PDB file of N, CA and C in Angstrom:
ATOM      1  N   MET A   1      30.417  34.069 -40.283  1.00  0.00           N
ATOM      2  CA  MET A   1      28.876  33.469 -40.208  1.00  0.00           C
ATOM      3  C   MET A   1      28.554  32.337 -39.209  1.00  0.00           C
ATOM      4  N   PRO A   2      29.583  31.519 -39.143  1.00  0.00           N
ATOM      5  CA  PRO A   2      29.188  30.372 -38.052  1.00  0.00           C
ATOM      6  C   PRO A   2      28.884  31.069 -36.662  1.00  0.00           C
ATOM      7  N   ALA A   3      29.537  32.158 -36.236  1.00  0.00           N
ATOM      8  CA  ALA A   3      29.080  32.723 -34.963  1.00  0.00           C
ATOM      9  C   ALA A   3      27.844  33.139 -35.118  1.00  0.00           C
ATOM     10  N   ASN A   4      27.411  33.748 -36.102  1.00  0.00           N
ATOM     11  CA  ASN A   4      25.851  34.162 -36.180  1.00  0.00           C
ATOM     12  C   ASN A   4      25.033  33.077 -36.181  1.00  0.00           C
ATOM     13  N   ALA A   5      25.494  32.179 -36.827  1.00  0.00           N
ATOM     14  CA  ALA A   5      24.580  30.891 -37.013  1.00  0.00           C
ATOM     15  C   ALA A   5      24.510  30.048 -35.887  1.00  0.00           C
ATOM     16  N   ALA A   6      25.881  29.994 -34.739  1.00  0.00           N
ATOM     17  CA  ALA A   6      25.914  29.723 -33.308  1.00  0.00           C
ATOM     18  C   ALA A   6      24.623  30.351 -32.822  1.00  0.00           C
ATOM     19  N   ASP A   7      24.870  31.613 -32.707  1.00  0.00           N
ATOM     20  CA  ASP A   7      23.901  32.668 -31.871  1.00  0.00           C
ATOM     21  C   ASP A   7      22.337  32.586 -32.266  1.00  0.00           C
ATOM     22  N   TYR A   8      22.149  32.013 -33.711  1.00  0.00           N
ATOM     23  CA  TYR A   8      21.113  31.882 -33.943  1.00  0.00           C
ATOM     24  C   TYR A   8      20.610  30.459 -33.341  1.00  0.00           C
ATOM     25  N   ALA A   9      21.381  29.582 -33.443  1.00  0.00           N
ATOM     26  CA  ALA A   9      20.820  28.091 -32.927  1.00  0.00           C
ATOM     27  C   ALA A   9      20.618  28.257 -31.255  1.00  0.00           C
ATOM     28  N   ALA A  10      21.394  28.991 -30.829  1.00  0.00           N
ATOM     29  CA  ALA A  10      21.426  29.277 -29.454  1.00  0.00           C
ATOM     30  C   ALA A  10      20.041  30.052 -28.912  1.00  0.00           C
ATOM     31  N   ASP A  11      19.775  31.009 -29.998  1.00  0.00           N
ATOM     32  CA  ASP A  11      18.537  31.815 -29.442  1.00  0.00           C
ATOM     33  C   ASP A  11      17.288  30.946 -29.664  1.00  0.00           C
ATOM     34  N   GLU A  12      17.274  30.208 -30.979  1.00  0.00           N
ATOM     35  CA  GLU A  12      15.739  29.377 -31.019  1.00  0.00           C
ATOM     36  C   GLU A  12      16.082  28.297 -30.268  1.00  0.00           C
ATOM     37  N   THR A  13      17.275  27.541 -29.582  1.00  0.00           N
ATOM     38  CA  THR A  13      17.055  26.736 -28.460  1.00  0.00           C
ATOM     39  C   THR A  13      16.579  27.428 -27.155  1.00  0.00           C
ATOM     40  N   LYS A  14      16.625  28.566 -26.973  1.00  0.00           N
ATOM     41  CA  LYS A  14      16.384  29.178 -25.865  1.00  0.00           C
ATOM     42  C   LYS A  14      14.955  29.314 -25.809  1.00  0.00           C
ATOM     43  N   ASN A  15      14.636  30.042 -27.168  1.00  0.00           N
ATOM     44  CA  ASN A  15      13.059  30.176 -27.405  1.00  0.00           C
ATOM     45  C   ASN A  15      12.320  28.991 -27.288  1.00  0.00           C
ATOM     46  N   GLY A  16      12.844  27.726 -27.800  1.00  0.00           N
ATOM     47  CA  GLY A  16      12.169  26.328 -27.743  1.00  0.00           C
ATOM     48  C   GLY A  16      11.970  26.188 -26.381  1.00  0.00           C
ATOM     49  N   VAL A  17      13.122  26.281 -25.598  1.00  0.00           N
ATOM     50  CA  VAL A  17      12.887  25.807 -24.069  1.00  0.00           C
ATOM     51  C   VAL A  17      11.887  26.711 -23.384  1.00  0.00           C
ATOM     52  N   GLU A  18      11.714  27.885 -23.689  1.00  0.00           N
ATOM     53  CA  GLU A  18      10.661  28.744 -22.675  1.00  0.00           C
ATOM     54  C   GLU A  18       9.342  28.403 -23.606  1.00  0.00           C
ATOM     55  N   THR A  19       9.118  28.026 -24.829  1.00  0.00           N
ATOM     56  CA  THR A  19       8.129  27.553 -25.294  1.00  0.00           C
ATOM     57  C   THR A  19       7.477  26.551 -24.561  1.00  0.00           C
ATOM     58  N   ALA A  20       8.574  25.545 -24.704  1.00  0.00           N
ATOM     59  CA  ALA A  20       8.121  24.012 -23.691  1.00  0.00           C
ATOM     60  C   ALA A  20       7.653  24.189 -22.382  1.00  0.00           C
ATOM     61  N   LYS A  21       8.644  25.146 -21.789  1.00  0.00           N
ATOM     62  CA  LYS A  21       8.341  25.126 -20.263  1.00  0.00           C
ATOM     63  C   LYS A  21       6.910  25.951 -20.366  1.00  0.00           C
ATOM     64  N   SER A  22       6.435  26.933 -20.967  1.00  0.00           N
ATOM     65  CA  SER A  22       5.142  27.470 -20.865  1.00  0.00           C
ATOM     66  C   SER A  22       4.050  26.469 -21.359  1.00  0.00           C
ATOM     67  N   MET A  23       4.280  25.846 -22.255  1.00  0.00           N
ATOM     68  CA  MET A  23       3.149  24.932 -22.614  1.00  0.00           C
ATOM     69  C   MET A  23       3.047  23.780 -21.281  1.00  0.00           C
ATOM     70  N   THR A  24       4.006  23.400 -20.819  1.00  0.00           N
ATOM     71  CA  THR A  24       4.057  22.566 -19.819  1.00  0.00           C
ATOM     72  C   THR A  24       3.433  22.900 -18.684  1.00  0.00           C
ATOM     73  N   ALA A  25       3.517  24.309 -18.328  1.00  0.00           N
ATOM     74  CA  ALA A  25       2.770  24.985 -17.310  1.00  0.00           C
ATOM     75  C   ALA A  25       1.367  25.049 -17.484  1.00  0.00           C
ATOM     76  N   GLU A  26       1.015  25.427 -18.675  1.00  0.00           N
ATOM     77  CA  GLU A  26      -0.461  25.553 -19.294  1.00  0.00           C
ATOM     78  C   GLU A  26      -0.894  24.168 -19.085  1.00  0.00           C
ATOM     79  N   ALA A  27      -0.375  23.112 -19.726  1.00  0.00           N
ATOM     80  CA  ALA A  27      -0.934  21.729 -19.433  1.00  0.00           C
ATOM     81  C   ALA A  27      -0.980  21.492 -18.280  1.00  0.00           C
ATOM     82  N   GLN A  28      -0.140  21.802 -17.305  1.00  0.00           N
ATOM     83  CA  GLN A  28      -0.197  21.418 -15.702  1.00  0.00           C
ATOM     84  C   GLN A  28      -1.386  22.019 -15.185  1.00  0.00           C
ATOM     85  N   ARG A  29      -1.711  23.105 -15.456  1.00  0.00           N
ATOM     86  CA  ARG A  29      -2.939  24.050 -14.895  1.00  0.00           C
ATOM     87  C   ARG A  29      -4.233  23.677 -15.388  1.00  0.00           C
ATOM     88  N   THR A  30      -4.122  23.034 -16.772  1.00  0.00           N
ATOM     89  CA  THR A  30      -5.586  22.458 -17.394  1.00  0.00           C
ATOM     90  C   THR A  30      -5.573  21.242 -16.839  1.00  0.00           C
ATOM     91  N   PHE A  31      -4.773  20.050 -16.576  1.00  0.00           N
ATOM     92  CA  PHE A  31      -5.000  19.098 -15.831  1.00  0.00           C
ATOM     93  C   PHE A  31      -5.028  19.190 -14.307  1.00  0.00           C
ATOM     94  N   ALA A  32      -4.971  20.393 -13.657  1.00  0.00           N
ATOM     95  CA  ALA A  32      -5.398  20.728 -12.245  1.00  0.00           C
ATOM     96  C   ALA A  32      -6.600  20.725 -12.332  1.00  0.00           C
ATOM     97  N   ASP A  33      -6.964  21.970 -13.342  1.00  0.00           N
ATOM     98  CA  ASP A  33      -8.666  22.124 -13.251  1.00  0.00           C
ATOM     99  C   ASP A  33      -9.426  21.152 -13.572  1.00  0.00           C
ATOM    100  N   ALA A  34      -9.027  20.255 -14.553  1.00  0.00           N
ATOM    101  CA  ALA A  34      -9.738  19.123 -15.020  1.00  0.00           C
ATOM    102  C   ALA A  34      -9.831  18.092 -13.822  1.00  0.00           C
ATOM    103  N   ARG A  35      -8.766  17.681 -12.949  1.00  0.00           N
ATOM    104  CA  ARG A  35      -8.946  17.024 -11.797  1.00  0.00           C
ATOM    105  C   ARG A  35      -9.932  17.788 -10.848  1.00  0.00           C
ATOM    106  N   ALA A  36      -9.899  18.986 -10.646  1.00  0.00           N
ATOM    107  CA  ALA A  36     -10.690  19.411  -9.311  1.00  0.00           C
ATOM    108  C   ALA A  36     -12.009  19.119  -9.953  1.00  0.00           C
ATOM    109  N   ARG A  37     -12.482  19.637 -11.430  1.00  0.00           N
ATOM    110  CA  ARG A  37     -13.907  19.267 -11.729  1.00  0.00           C
ATOM    111  C   ARG A  37     -14.269  18.001 -11.664  1.00  0.00           C
ATOM    112  N   ILE A  38     -13.354  17.072 -11.757  1.00  0.00           N
ATOM    113  CA  ILE A  38     -13.676  15.540 -11.797  1.00  0.00           C
ATOM    114  C   ILE A  38     -13.959  15.372 -10.226  1.00  0.00           C
ATOM    115  N   GLU A  39     -13.310  15.469  -9.454  1.00  0.00           N
ATOM    116  CA  GLU A  39     -13.519  15.288  -8.143  1.00  0.00           C
ATOM    117  C   GLU A  39     -14.747  15.832  -7.630  1.00  0.00           C
ATOM    118  N   GLN A  40     -15.073  17.147  -8.176  1.00  0.00           N
ATOM    119  CA  GLN A  40     -16.385  17.531  -7.718  1.00  0.00           C
ATOM    120  C   GLN A  40     -17.491  16.705  -8.319  1.00  0.00           C
ATOM    121  N   VAL A  41     -17.591  16.601  -9.345  1.00  0.00           N
ATOM    122  CA  VAL A  41     -18.616  15.491 -10.308  1.00  0.00           C
ATOM    123  C   VAL A  41     -18.625  14.389  -9.140  1.00  0.00           C
ATOM    124  N   VAL A  42     -17.437  13.590  -8.751  1.00  0.00           N
ATOM    125  CA  VAL A  42     -17.459  12.354  -8.209  1.00  0.00           C
ATOM    126  C   VAL A  42     -18.094  12.685  -6.647  1.00  0.00           C
ATOM    127  N   GLN A  43     -17.643  13.523  -6.227  1.00  0.00           N
ATOM    128  CA  GLN A  43     -18.545  13.776  -4.719  1.00  0.00           C
ATOM    129  C   GLN A  43     -20.128  14.378  -4.937  1.00  0.00           C
ATOM    130  N   ASP A  44     -20.256  14.867  -6.135  1.00  0.00           N
ATOM    131  CA  ASP A  44     -21.510  15.315  -5.987  1.00  0.00           C
ATOM    132  C   ASP A  44     -22.507  13.842  -6.433  1.00  0.00           C
ATOM    133  N   GLY A  45     -21.793  13.156  -6.924  1.00  0.00           N
ATOM    134  CA  GLY A  45     -22.425  11.760  -7.525  1.00  0.00           C
ATOM    135  C   GLY A  45     -22.623  10.917  -6.279  1.00  0.00           C
ATOM    136  N   LEU A  46     -21.407  10.840  -5.361  1.00  0.00           N
ATOM    137  CA  LEU A  46     -21.641  10.174  -4.320  1.00  0.00           C
ATOM    138  C   LEU A  46     -22.779  10.500  -3.124  1.00  0.00           C
ATOM    139  N   GLU A  47     -22.582  12.023  -3.032  1.00  0.00           N
ATOM    140  CA  GLU A  47     -23.639  12.413  -2.198  1.00  0.00           C
ATOM    141  C   GLU A  47     -25.172  12.164  -2.789  1.00  0.00           C
ATOM    142  N   GLN A  48     -25.405  12.093  -3.951  1.00  0.00           N
ATOM    143  CA  GLN A  48     -26.586  11.858  -4.652  1.00  0.00           C
ATOM    144  C   GLN A  48     -26.909  10.144  -4.283  1.00  0.00           C
ATOM    145  N   LEU A  49     -26.227   9.582  -4.470  1.00  0.00           N
ATOM    146  CA  LEU A  49     -25.741   7.931  -4.098  1.00  0.00           C
ATOM    147  C   LEU A  49     -26.651   7.612  -2.544  1.00  0.00           C
ATOM    148  N   ARG A  50     -26.009   8.448  -1.779  1.00  0.00           N
ATOM    149  CA  ARG A  50     -26.051   8.308  -0.364  1.00  0.00           C
ATOM    150  C   ARG A  50     -27.338   8.663   0.346  1.00  0.00           C
ATOM    151  N   ALA A  51     -27.951   9.808  -0.587  1.00  0.00           N
ATOM    152  CA  ALA A  51     -29.237  10.130  -0.257  1.00  0.00           C
ATOM    153  C   ALA A  51     -30.256   9.219  -0.831  1.00  0.00           C
ATOM    154  N   GLN A  52     -29.855   8.750  -2.277  1.00  0.00           N
ATOM    155  CA  GLN A  52     -31.022   7.622  -2.524  1.00  0.00           C
ATOM    156  C   GLN A  52     -30.997   6.560  -1.921  1.00  0.00           C
ATOM    157  N   SER A  53     -29.678   5.964  -1.375  1.00  0.00           N
ATOM    158  CA  SER A  53     -29.902   4.787  -0.636  1.00  0.00           C
ATOM    159  C   SER A  53     -30.491   4.962   0.505  1.00  0.00           C
ATOM    160  N   ARG A  54     -30.265   5.949   1.199  1.00  0.00           N
ATOM    161  CA  ARG A  54     -31.067   6.501   2.503  1.00  0.00           C
ATOM    162  C   ARG A  54     -32.434   6.343   2.510  1.00  0.00           C
ATOM    163  N   ALA A  55     -32.931   6.845   1.408  1.00  0.00           N
ATOM    164  CA  ALA A  55     -34.541   7.002   0.970  1.00  0.00           C
ATOM    165  C   ALA A  55     -34.912   5.525   0.813  1.00  0.00           C
ATOM    166  N   TYR A  56     -34.255   4.561  -0.306  1.00  0.00           N
ATOM    167  CA  TYR A  56     -34.427   3.151  -0.429  1.00  0.00           C
ATOM    168  C   TYR A  56     -34.585   2.195   0.982  1.00  0.00           C
ATOM    169  N   ALA A  57     -33.388   2.671   1.608  1.00  0.00           N
ATOM    170  CA  ALA A  57     -33.354   1.706   3.077  1.00  0.00           C
ATOM    171  C   ALA A  57     -34.519   2.229   4.148  1.00  0.00           C
ATOM    172  N   ASP A  58     -35.020   3.226   3.821  1.00  0.00           N
ATOM    173  CA  ASP A  58     -36.246   3.607   4.997  1.00  0.00           C
ATOM    174  C   ASP A  58     -37.442   3.085   4.338  1.00  0.00           C
ATOM    175  N   THR A  59     -37.601   3.245   2.955  1.00  0.00           N
ATOM    176  CA  THR A  59     -38.610   2.718   2.442  1.00  0.00           C
ATOM    177  C   THR A  59     -38.959   1.167   2.705  1.00  0.00           C
ATOM    178  N   ALA A  60     -37.554   0.276   2.753  1.00  0.00           N
ATOM    179  CA  ALA A  60     -37.746  -1.044   2.755  1.00  0.00           C
ATOM    180  C   ALA A  60     -37.948  -1.146   4.093  1.00  0.00           C
ATOM    181  N   GLY A  61     -37.325  -0.449   5.063  1.00  0.00           N
ATOM    182  CA  GLY A  61     -37.544  -1.021   6.687  1.00  0.00           C
ATOM    183  C   GLY A  61     -39.002  -0.735   6.797  1.00  0.00           C
ATOM    184  N   GLU A  62     -39.639   0.064   6.325  1.00  0.00           N
ATOM    185  CA  GLU A  62     -41.147   0.214   6.592  1.00  0.00           C
ATOM    186  C   GLU A  62     -41.672  -0.645   5.788  1.00  0.00           C
ATOM    187  N   GLN A  63     -41.244  -1.166   4.749  1.00  0.00           N
ATOM    188  CA  GLN A  63     -42.137  -2.464   4.061  1.00  0.00           C
ATOM    189  C   GLN A  63     -41.934  -3.516   4.656  1.00  0.00           C
ATOM    190  N   ILE A  64     -40.997  -3.884   5.404  1.00  0.00           N
ATOM    191  CA  ILE A  64     -40.556  -4.966   6.241  1.00  0.00           C
ATOM    192  C   ILE A  64     -41.145  -5.133   7.689  1.00  0.00           C
ATOM    193  N   ASP A  65     -41.329  -3.952   8.182  1.00  0.00           N
ATOM    194  CA  ASP A  65     -42.112  -3.784   9.447  1.00  0.00           C
ATOM    195  C   ASP A  65     -43.835  -4.062   9.049  1.00  0.00           C
ATOM    196  N   GLN A  66     -44.121  -3.777   7.751  1.00  0.00           N
ATOM    197  CA  GLN A  66     -45.555  -3.840   7.124  1.00  0.00           C
ATOM    198  C   GLN A  66     -45.768  -5.335   7.019  1.00  0.00           C
ATOM    199  N   ALA A  67     -44.785  -5.901   6.237  1.00  0.00           N
ATOM    200  CA  ALA A  67     -44.634  -7.389   6.146  1.00  0.00           C
ATOM    201  C   ALA A  67     -44.693  -8.234   7.498  1.00  0.00           C
ATOM    202  N   GLN A  68     -44.098  -7.758   8.557  1.00  0.00           N
ATOM    203  CA  GLN A  68     -43.973  -8.464   9.728  1.00  0.00           C
ATOM    204  C   GLN A  68     -45.014  -8.420  10.466  1.00  0.00           C
ATOM    205  N   GLN A  69     -45.986  -7.042  10.349  1.00  0.00           N
ATOM    206  CA  GLN A  69     -47.231  -6.871  11.315  1.00  0.00           C
ATOM    207  C   GLN A  69     -48.158  -7.864  10.437  1.00  0.00           C
ATOM    208  N   TYR A  70     -48.259  -7.832   9.149  1.00  0.00           N
ATOM    209  CA  TYR A  70     -49.238  -8.611   8.623  1.00  0.00           C
ATOM    210  C   TYR A  70     -49.029 -10.162   8.646  1.00  0.00           C
ATOM    211  N   VAL A  71     -48.144 -10.662   8.820  1.00  0.00           N
ATOM    212  CA  VAL A  71     -47.644 -12.338   9.024  1.00  0.00           C
ATOM    213  C   VAL A  71     -48.025 -12.287  10.462  1.00  0.00           C
ATOM    214  N   THR A  72     -47.674 -11.547  11.351  1.00  0.00           N
ATOM    215  CA  THR A  72     -47.966 -11.590  12.778  1.00  0.00           C
ATOM    216  C   THR A  72     -49.681 -11.364  12.973  1.00  0.00           C
ATOM    217  N   GLU A  73     -50.432 -10.802  12.532  1.00  0.00           N
ATOM    218  CA  GLU A  73     -51.869 -10.807  12.301  1.00  0.00           C
ATOM    219  C   GLU A  73     -52.221 -11.800  11.904  1.00  0.00           C
ATOM    220  N   ARG A  74     -51.893 -12.799  10.778  1.00  0.00           N
ATOM    221  CA  ARG A  74     -52.328 -13.807  10.201  1.00  0.00           C
ATOM    222  C   ARG A  74     -52.064 -15.175  11.051  1.00  0.00           C
ATOM    223  N   VAL A  75     -50.890 -15.032  11.745  1.00  0.00           N
ATOM    224  CA  VAL A  75     -50.325 -16.215  12.438  1.00  0.00           C
ATOM    225  C   VAL A  75     -51.438 -16.266  13.651  1.00  0.00           C
ATOM    226  N   ARG A  76     -51.867 -15.254  14.365  1.00  0.00           N
ATOM    227  CA  ARG A  76     -52.777 -15.056  15.507  1.00  0.00           C
ATOM    228  C   ARG A  76     -54.136 -15.287  14.807  1.00  0.00           C
ATOM    229  N   GLU A  77     -54.379 -15.277  13.724  1.00  0.00           N
ATOM    230  CA  GLU A  77     -55.838 -15.469  13.192  1.00  0.00           C
ATOM    231  C   GLU A  77     -55.922 -16.986  13.167  1.00  0.00           C
ATOM    232  N   ARG A  78     -55.084 -17.632  12.579  1.00  0.00           N
ATOM    233  CA  ARG A  78     -55.111 -19.047  12.334  1.00  0.00           C
ATOM    234  C   ARG A  78     -53.592 -19.656  12.587  1.00  0.00           C
ATOM    235  N   PRO A  79     -53.519 -19.918  13.747  1.00  0.00           N
ATOM    236  CA  PRO A  79     -52.064 -20.511  14.238  1.00  0.00           C
ATOM    237  C   PRO A  79     -52.071 -21.837  13.656  1.00  0.00           C
ATOM    238  N   LEU A  80     -53.096 -22.853  13.649  1.00  0.00           N
ATOM    239  CA  LEU A  80     -52.725 -23.842  12.957  1.00  0.00           C
ATOM    240  C   LEU A  80     -52.356 -23.982  11.793  1.00  0.00           C
ATOM    241  N   ALA A  81     -53.029 -23.239  10.776  1.00  0.00           N
ATOM    242  CA  ALA A  81     -52.658 -23.180   9.360  1.00  0.00           C
ATOM    243  C   ALA A  81     -51.156 -22.562   9.404  1.00  0.00           C
ATOM    244  N   ALA A  82     -50.713 -21.642   9.903  1.00  0.00           N
ATOM    245  CA  ALA A  82     -49.685 -21.413  10.018  1.00  0.00           C
ATOM    246  C   ALA A  82     -48.536 -22.291  10.434  1.00  0.00           C
ATOM    247  N   THR A  83     -48.619 -23.125  11.419  1.00  0.00           N
ATOM    248  CA  THR A  83     -47.956 -24.030  11.710  1.00  0.00           C
ATOM    249  C   THR A  83     -47.871 -25.115  10.766  1.00  0.00           C
ATOM    250  N   GLY A  84     -48.812 -25.427   9.834  1.00  0.00           N
ATOM    251  CA  GLY A  84     -48.833 -26.366   8.922  1.00  0.00           C
ATOM    252  C   GLY A  84     -47.967 -25.872   7.644  1.00  0.00           C
ATOM    253  N   VAL A  85     -48.123 -24.577   7.496  1.00  0.00           N
ATOM    254  CA  VAL A  85     -47.638 -23.911   6.249  1.00  0.00           C
ATOM    255  C   VAL A  85     -45.986 -24.008   6.603  1.00  0.00           C
ATOM    256  N   ALA A  86     -45.624 -23.437   7.914  1.00  0.00           N
ATOM    257  CA  ALA A  86     -44.282 -23.671   8.362  1.00  0.00           C
ATOM    258  C   ALA A  86     -43.618 -25.287   8.227  1.00  0.00           C
ATOM    259  N   LEU A  87     -44.307 -26.005   8.692  1.00  0.00           N
ATOM    260  CA  LEU A  87     -43.897 -27.265   8.695  1.00  0.00           C
ATOM    261  C   LEU A  87     -43.818 -27.681   6.890  1.00  0.00           C
ATOM    262  N   GLY A  88     -44.763 -27.499   6.478  1.00  0.00           N
ATOM    263  CA  GLY A  88     -44.658 -27.804   5.032  1.00  0.00           C
ATOM    264  C   GLY A  88     -43.210 -27.134   4.060  1.00  0.00           C
ATOM    265  N   VAL A  89     -43.256 -25.985   4.479  1.00  0.00           N
ATOM    266  CA  VAL A  89     -41.967 -25.275   4.014  1.00  0.00           C
ATOM    267  C   VAL A  89     -40.574 -25.690   4.652  1.00  0.00           C
ATOM    268  N   GLY A  90     -40.700 -26.392   5.701  1.00  0.00           N
ATOM    269  CA  GLY A  90     -39.536 -26.612   6.302  1.00  0.00           C
ATOM    270  C   GLY A  90     -39.329 -28.324   5.626  1.00  0.00           C
ATOM    271  N   VAL A  91     -40.281 -28.919   5.256  1.00  0.00           N
ATOM    272  CA  VAL A  91     -40.095 -30.442   4.802  1.00  0.00           C
ATOM    273  C   VAL A  91     -39.241 -30.212   3.490  1.00  0.00           C
ATOM    274  N   LEU A  92     -40.070 -29.128   2.465  1.00  0.00           N
ATOM    275  CA  LEU A  92     -39.426 -28.836   1.158  1.00  0.00           C
ATOM    276  C   LEU A  92     -38.136 -28.304   1.291  1.00  0.00           C
ATOM    277  N   ILE A  93     -37.662 -27.521   2.087  1.00  0.00           N
ATOM    278  CA  ILE A  93     -36.411 -27.522   2.223  1.00  0.00           C
ATOM    279  C   ILE A  93     -35.509 -28.503   2.485  1.00  0.00           C
ATOM    280  N   GLY A  94     -35.906 -29.145   3.306  1.00  0.00           N
ATOM    281  CA  GLY A  94     -35.151 -30.536   3.808  1.00  0.00           C
ATOM    282  C   GLY A  94     -34.901 -31.505   2.470  1.00  0.00           C
ATOM    283  N   LEU A  95     -36.225 -31.701   1.814  1.00  0.00           N
ATOM    284  CA  LEU A  95     -36.002 -32.426   0.536  1.00  0.00           C
ATOM    285  C   LEU A  95     -35.137 -31.868  -0.226  1.00  0.00           C
ATOM    286  N   LEU A  96     -35.335 -30.541  -0.492  1.00  0.00           N
ATOM    287  CA  LEU A  96     -34.328 -29.962  -1.462  1.00  0.00           C
ATOM    288  C   LEU A  96     -32.577 -30.125  -1.066  1.00  0.00           C
ATOM    289  N   LEU A  97     -32.601 -29.986   0.023  1.00  0.00           N
ATOM    290  CA  LEU A  97     -31.177 -29.806   0.686  1.00  0.00           C
ATOM    291  C   LEU A  97     -30.677 -31.716   0.547  1.00  0.00           C
ATOM    292  N   SER A  98     -31.667 -32.450   0.944  1.00  0.00           N
ATOM    293  CA  SER A  98     -31.002 -33.676   1.007  1.00  0.00           C
ATOM    294  C   SER A  98     -30.588 -34.138  -0.442  1.00  0.00           C
ATOM    295  N   ALA A  99     -31.713 -33.838  -1.555  1.00  0.00           N
ATOM    296  CA  ALA A  99     -31.557 -34.073  -2.916  1.00  0.00           C
ATOM    297  C   ALA A  99     -29.924 -33.882  -3.209  1.00  0.00           C
ATOM    298  N   GLY A 100     -29.533 -32.501  -2.778  1.00  0.00           N
ATOM    299  CA  GLY A 100     -28.207 -32.432  -3.476  1.00  0.00           C
ATOM    300  C   GLY A 100     -27.278 -33.266  -2.983  1.00  0.00           C
ATOM    301  N   ARG A 101     -27.374 -33.741  -1.995  1.00  0.00           N
ATOM    302  CA  ARG A 101     -26.398 -34.819  -1.392  1.00  0.00           C
ATOM    303  C   ARG A 101     -26.045 -35.933  -2.195  1.00  0.00           C
ATOM    304  N   LYS A 102     -27.168 -36.483  -2.890  1.00  0.00           N
ATOM    305  CA  LYS A 102     -27.007 -37.508  -3.408  1.00  0.00           C
ATOM    306  C   LYS A 102     -26.166 -37.747  -4.458  1.00  0.00           C
TER     307      LYS A 102
END
């Protein structure tokens, strides 16, 4: 009986090792598939983010151009008022900066 028990234990060990190997291979395939799906989702998200940021940058550029044109027109219409406003803003900034040094 010990020979049979030893053979039985050896067979069970082989079966266990083979089962563990197949489970490990299946887990590796599952992780590889999950990794591929995650990479694809991240790539799609990045591409969408790039497209949106380009659209926002284009819109912001257009708005800056419009604001620049508006300011330029107002300065041409009233150069003295624009100079006074710029002087006032400069004085305020100077006062704020000098107050921080005290």
